[in-house]
């Protein structure tokens, strides 16, 4: 398997799970998010967040920064935008009513 194929396999495997997709969305919207905030907002155990973070970090979709005993996450926007153009915009929310295209 080529390096490029392995890279895309890791990315799409990571993004193929709803919790991880939601995590990427929340982290991207916040700019940087502490682990404790993800645990609180997702309503899951810290070990669950850690499991998903490991997969996202392996795919290089997020960066992890440790400060003291706390971990902080940021999205790798360059990787997201290169691998899945437009995804971040779609995750940001629904299209506003004024810009919807009429049916027909």
Protein backbone atom coordinates (compact mmCIF):
# COMPACT_ATOMS: atom_id res chain seq x y z
CA UNK A 1 0.00 0.00 0.00
CA UNK A 2 1.39 3.42 -0.90
CA UNK A 3 1.98 6.08 1.74
CA UNK A 4 -0.71 8.27 0.16
CA UNK A 5 -3.25 5.44 0.26
CA UNK A 6 -2.39 4.70 3.90
CA UNK A 7 -2.81 8.39 4.74
CA UNK A 8 -6.26 8.62 3.17
CA UNK A 9 -7.30 5.33 4.77
CA UNK A 10 -6.42 6.74 8.20
CA UNK A 11 -8.25 10.00 7.48
CA UNK A 12 -11.45 8.42 6.22
CA UNK A 13 -11.43 5.76 8.93
CA UNK A 14 -11.16 8.51 11.53
CA UNK A 15 -13.90 10.61 9.97
CA UNK A 16 -16.20 7.64 9.41
CA UNK A 17 -17.46 7.65 13.01
CA UNK A 18 -20.10 10.14 14.18
CA UNK A 19 -18.47 10.91 17.54
CA UNK A 20 -15.14 11.75 15.93
CA UNK A 21 -16.83 13.88 13.28
CA UNK A 22 -18.65 15.74 16.05
CA UNK A 23 -15.39 16.19 17.94
CA UNK A 24 -13.68 17.66 14.88
CA UNK A 25 -16.62 20.03 14.40
CA UNK A 26 -16.53 21.22 18.03
CA UNK A 27 -12.75 21.62 18.09
CA UNK A 28 -12.73 23.48 14.77
CA UNK A 29 -15.47 25.87 15.90
CA UNK A 30 -13.67 26.58 19.19
CA UNK A 31 -10.23 26.96 17.62
CA UNK A 32 -8.74 25.05 20.54
CA UNK A 33 -10.59 22.86 23.01
CA UNK A 34 -9.49 21.26 26.27
CA UNK A 35 -10.17 17.60 26.88
CA UNK A 36 -12.42 18.48 29.83
CA UNK A 37 -14.72 20.51 27.56
CA UNK A 38 -15.05 17.61 25.11
CA UNK A 39 -15.90 15.24 27.95
CA UNK A 40 -18.55 17.64 29.22
CA UNK A 41 -20.09 18.52 25.85
CA UNK A 42 -20.15 14.96 24.52
CA UNK A 43 -21.33 13.49 27.83
CA UNK A 44 -18.86 10.61 27.62
CA UNK A 45 -16.01 9.34 29.79
CA UNK A 46 -12.53 10.83 29.51
CA UNK A 47 -11.28 7.43 28.33
CA UNK A 48 -13.74 7.56 25.42
CA UNK A 49 -12.51 11.01 24.39
CA UNK A 50 -8.91 9.78 24.68
CA UNK A 51 -9.68 6.78 22.46
CA UNK A 52 -11.17 8.99 19.73
CA UNK A 53 -8.41 11.60 20.07
CA UNK A 54 -5.79 8.91 19.49
CA UNK A 55 -7.45 7.96 16.19
CA UNK A 56 -7.87 11.58 15.07
CA UNK A 57 -4.27 12.43 15.99
CA UNK A 58 -2.96 9.32 14.20
CA UNK A 59 -4.75 10.52 11.06
CA UNK A 60 -3.15 13.95 11.67
CA UNK A 61 -6.58 15.60 11.74
CA UNK A 62 -5.94 17.22 15.13
CA UNK A 63 -2.94 18.44 17.05
CA UNK A 64 -2.55 17.75 20.76
CA UNK A 65 -0.90 20.19 23.14
CA UNK A 66 -0.17 19.35 26.75
CA UNK A 67 -0.01 22.13 29.34
CA UNK A 68 0.62 20.86 32.85
CA UNK A 69 -1.83 18.02 33.39
CA UNK A 70 -4.27 19.28 30.75
CA UNK A 71 -4.55 18.41 27.07
CA UNK A 72 -5.75 20.84 24.42
CA UNK A 73 -6.80 19.99 20.87
CA UNK A 74 -6.79 21.99 17.64
CA UNK A 75 -7.86 20.86 14.19
CA UNK A 76 -5.27 20.51 11.47
CA UNK A 77 -7.18 22.70 9.06
CA UNK A 78 -4.55 22.25 6.38
CA UNK A 79 -5.05 18.47 6.43
CA UNK A 80 -8.85 18.71 6.58
CA UNK A 81 -9.04 21.22 3.74
CA UNK A 82 -6.63 19.27 1.54
CA UNK A 83 -8.22 15.86 2.13
CA UNK A 84 -11.87 16.94 2.23
CA UNK A 85 -12.37 20.37 0.66
CA UNK A 86 -15.49 22.11 1.95
CA UNK A 87 -16.07 19.77 4.90
CA UNK A 88 -15.32 22.41 7.53
CA UNK A 89 -17.85 24.77 5.95
CA UNK A 90 -20.49 22.03 5.87
CA UNK A 91 -19.85 21.16 9.52
CA UNK A 92 -20.16 24.82 10.51
CA UNK A 93 -23.93 24.62 10.19
CA UNK A 94 -26.86 24.78 7.83
CA UNK A 95 -26.99 27.26 4.99
CA UNK A 96 -28.79 30.44 6.04
CA UNK A 97 -32.32 30.91 4.73
CA UNK A 98 -31.34 33.90 2.61
CA UNK A 99 -28.84 31.93 0.57
CA UNK A 100 -30.85 28.79 -0.18
CA UNK A 101 -31.49 27.98 -3.80
CA UNK A 102 -35.15 27.74 -4.84
CA UNK A 103 -36.37 24.29 -5.81
CA UNK A 104 -37.19 23.58 -9.35
